[in-house]
């Protein structure tokens, strides 16, 4: 997240991790994990669905 330098979509994070981003089902577990991290305060979820790192 911090390497991106700005808000990123789940798809971009999946690409960086080497996940198969063409299949939506492969990204949903990642989206759930990122949302959980946002709920715990590690990430910030913007209203447009993008995530940023907390500073």
N, C-alpha and C. Protein backbone atom coordinates (compact mmCIF):
# COMPACT_ATOMS: atom_id res chain seq x y z
N UNK A 1 0.81 -1.18 0.00
CA UNK A 1 0.00 0.00 0.00
C UNK A 1 0.86 1.25 0.00
N UNK A 2 1.86 1.26 0.83
CA UNK A 2 2.70 2.46 0.92
C UNK A 2 3.54 2.65 -0.32
N UNK A 3 3.90 1.55 -0.99
CA UNK A 3 4.70 1.65 -2.21
C UNK A 3 3.89 2.27 -3.35
N UNK A 4 2.58 2.13 -3.30
CA UNK A 4 1.73 2.67 -4.35
C UNK A 4 1.70 4.19 -4.32
N UNK A 5 1.82 4.76 -3.15
CA UNK A 5 1.86 6.21 -3.03
C UNK A 5 0.51 6.88 -3.11
N UNK A 6 -0.56 6.12 -3.08
CA UNK A 6 -1.90 6.70 -3.13
C UNK A 6 -2.94 5.61 -3.01
N UNK A 7 -4.19 5.97 -3.17
CA UNK A 7 -5.27 4.99 -3.06
C UNK A 7 -5.16 3.91 -4.14
N UNK A 8 -5.40 2.67 -3.76
CA UNK A 8 -5.33 1.57 -4.72
C UNK A 8 -6.59 0.72 -4.64
N UNK A 9 -6.92 0.11 -5.76
CA UNK A 9 -8.03 -0.81 -5.81
C UNK A 9 -7.55 -2.20 -5.44
N UNK A 10 -8.49 -3.05 -5.08
CA UNK A 10 -8.16 -4.43 -4.71
C UNK A 10 -7.50 -5.14 -5.88
N UNK A 11 -7.92 -4.84 -7.09
CA UNK A 11 -7.36 -5.48 -8.28
C UNK A 11 -5.86 -5.19 -8.40
N UNK A 12 -5.46 -3.96 -8.12
CA UNK A 12 -4.04 -3.60 -8.21
C UNK A 12 -3.22 -4.34 -7.16
N UNK A 13 -3.77 -4.51 -5.97
CA UNK A 13 -3.07 -5.24 -4.92
C UNK A 13 -2.96 -6.71 -5.32
N UNK A 14 -4.03 -7.26 -5.89
CA UNK A 14 -4.01 -8.65 -6.35
C UNK A 14 -2.96 -8.87 -7.44
N UNK A 15 -2.84 -7.93 -8.35
CA UNK A 15 -1.82 -8.03 -9.40
C UNK A 15 -0.42 -8.04 -8.79
N UNK A 16 -0.21 -7.18 -7.82
CA UNK A 16 1.10 -7.09 -7.16
C UNK A 16 1.44 -8.38 -6.41
N UNK A 17 0.41 -9.02 -5.86
CA UNK A 17 0.61 -10.27 -5.13
C UNK A 17 0.68 -11.48 -6.04
N UNK A 18 0.41 -11.30 -7.33
CA UNK A 18 0.48 -12.40 -8.27
C UNK A 18 -0.78 -13.24 -8.33
N UNK A 19 -1.90 -12.68 -7.90
CA UNK A 19 -3.17 -13.41 -7.98
C UNK A 19 -3.76 -13.32 -9.38
N UNK A 20 -4.63 -14.24 -9.68
CA UNK A 20 -5.32 -14.25 -10.97
C UNK A 20 -6.46 -13.23 -10.90
N UNK A 21 -6.23 -12.04 -11.42
CA UNK A 21 -7.19 -10.94 -11.25
C UNK A 21 -8.32 -10.98 -12.27
N UNK A 22 -8.21 -11.81 -13.30
CA UNK A 22 -9.28 -11.91 -14.29
C UNK A 22 -10.50 -12.63 -13.75
N UNK A 23 -10.32 -13.41 -12.70
CA UNK A 23 -11.42 -14.16 -12.09
C UNK A 23 -11.84 -13.43 -10.82
N UNK A 24 -13.07 -12.97 -10.80
CA UNK A 24 -13.54 -12.17 -9.67
C UNK A 24 -13.48 -12.94 -8.35
N UNK A 25 -13.74 -14.22 -8.39
CA UNK A 25 -13.74 -15.03 -7.18
C UNK A 25 -12.38 -15.10 -6.51
N UNK A 26 -11.32 -14.86 -7.24
CA UNK A 26 -9.98 -14.87 -6.67
C UNK A 26 -9.70 -13.59 -5.87
N UNK A 27 -10.41 -12.51 -6.20
CA UNK A 27 -10.18 -11.23 -5.52
C UNK A 27 -11.07 -11.03 -4.30
N UNK A 28 -12.17 -11.73 -4.22
CA UNK A 28 -13.10 -11.52 -3.10
C UNK A 28 -12.50 -11.85 -1.74
N UNK A 29 -11.72 -12.94 -1.61
CA UNK A 29 -11.08 -13.17 -0.30
C UNK A 29 -10.09 -12.06 0.06
N UNK A 30 -9.38 -11.54 -0.93
CA UNK A 30 -8.46 -10.43 -0.68
C UNK A 30 -9.23 -9.18 -0.27
N UNK A 31 -10.35 -8.92 -0.92
CA UNK A 31 -11.18 -7.76 -0.57
C UNK A 31 -11.67 -7.89 0.88
N UNK A 32 -12.05 -9.09 1.27
CA UNK A 32 -12.52 -9.32 2.64
C UNK A 32 -11.39 -9.08 3.64
N UNK A 33 -10.20 -9.53 3.33
CA UNK A 33 -9.06 -9.33 4.23
C UNK A 33 -8.71 -7.85 4.35
N UNK A 34 -8.75 -7.14 3.22
CA UNK A 34 -8.44 -5.72 3.26
C UNK A 34 -9.50 -4.94 4.02
N UNK A 35 -10.75 -5.32 3.88
CA UNK A 35 -11.84 -4.68 4.62
C UNK A 35 -11.67 -4.93 6.12
N UNK A 36 -11.28 -6.15 6.47
CA UNK A 36 -11.05 -6.47 7.88
C UNK A 36 -9.91 -5.64 8.45
N UNK A 37 -8.85 -5.46 7.66
CA UNK A 37 -7.74 -4.61 8.10
C UNK A 37 -8.19 -3.16 8.26
N UNK A 38 -9.09 -2.72 7.40
CA UNK A 38 -9.62 -1.36 7.51
C UNK A 38 -10.48 -1.22 8.77
N UNK A 39 -11.25 -2.25 9.08
CA UNK A 39 -12.07 -2.21 10.29
C UNK A 39 -11.20 -2.15 11.55
N UNK A 40 -10.03 -2.77 11.48
CA UNK A 40 -9.13 -2.80 12.63
C UNK A 40 -8.22 -1.57 12.69
N UNK A 41 -8.28 -0.71 11.68
CA UNK A 41 -7.51 0.52 11.70
C UNK A 41 -6.16 0.46 11.01
N UNK A 42 -5.83 -0.65 10.38
CA UNK A 42 -4.55 -0.77 9.69
C UNK A 42 -4.58 -0.10 8.33
N UNK A 43 -5.74 -0.11 7.69
CA UNK A 43 -5.93 0.53 6.39
C UNK A 43 -7.10 1.49 6.50
N UNK A 44 -7.24 2.34 5.50
CA UNK A 44 -8.39 3.23 5.41
C UNK A 44 -9.13 2.91 4.12
N UNK A 45 -10.43 2.63 4.23
CA UNK A 45 -11.25 2.34 3.05
C UNK A 45 -12.01 3.60 2.69
N UNK A 46 -11.79 4.06 1.46
CA UNK A 46 -12.45 5.26 0.98
C UNK A 46 -13.84 4.91 0.47
N UNK A 47 -14.73 5.90 0.37
CA UNK A 47 -16.09 5.64 -0.13
C UNK A 47 -16.12 5.10 -1.55
N UNK A 48 -15.08 5.36 -2.36
CA UNK A 48 -15.08 4.86 -3.73
C UNK A 48 -14.56 3.42 -3.82
N UNK A 49 -14.27 2.79 -2.67
CA UNK A 49 -13.84 1.40 -2.65
C UNK A 49 -12.33 1.20 -2.70
N UNK A 50 -11.58 2.27 -2.79
CA UNK A 50 -10.12 2.16 -2.81
C UNK A 50 -9.60 2.17 -1.38
N UNK A 51 -8.41 1.63 -1.22
CA UNK A 51 -7.79 1.55 0.10
C UNK A 51 -6.51 2.37 0.12
N UNK A 52 -6.22 2.93 1.29
CA UNK A 52 -4.96 3.64 1.50
C UNK A 52 -4.36 3.15 2.81
N UNK A 53 -3.07 3.35 2.98
CA UNK A 53 -2.38 2.97 4.20
C UNK A 53 -2.57 4.07 5.24
N UNK A 54 -2.75 3.67 6.47
CA UNK A 54 -2.80 4.63 7.57
C UNK A 54 -1.38 5.08 7.84
N UNK A 55 -1.21 6.34 8.12
CA UNK A 55 0.13 6.86 8.40
C UNK A 55 0.43 6.85 9.87
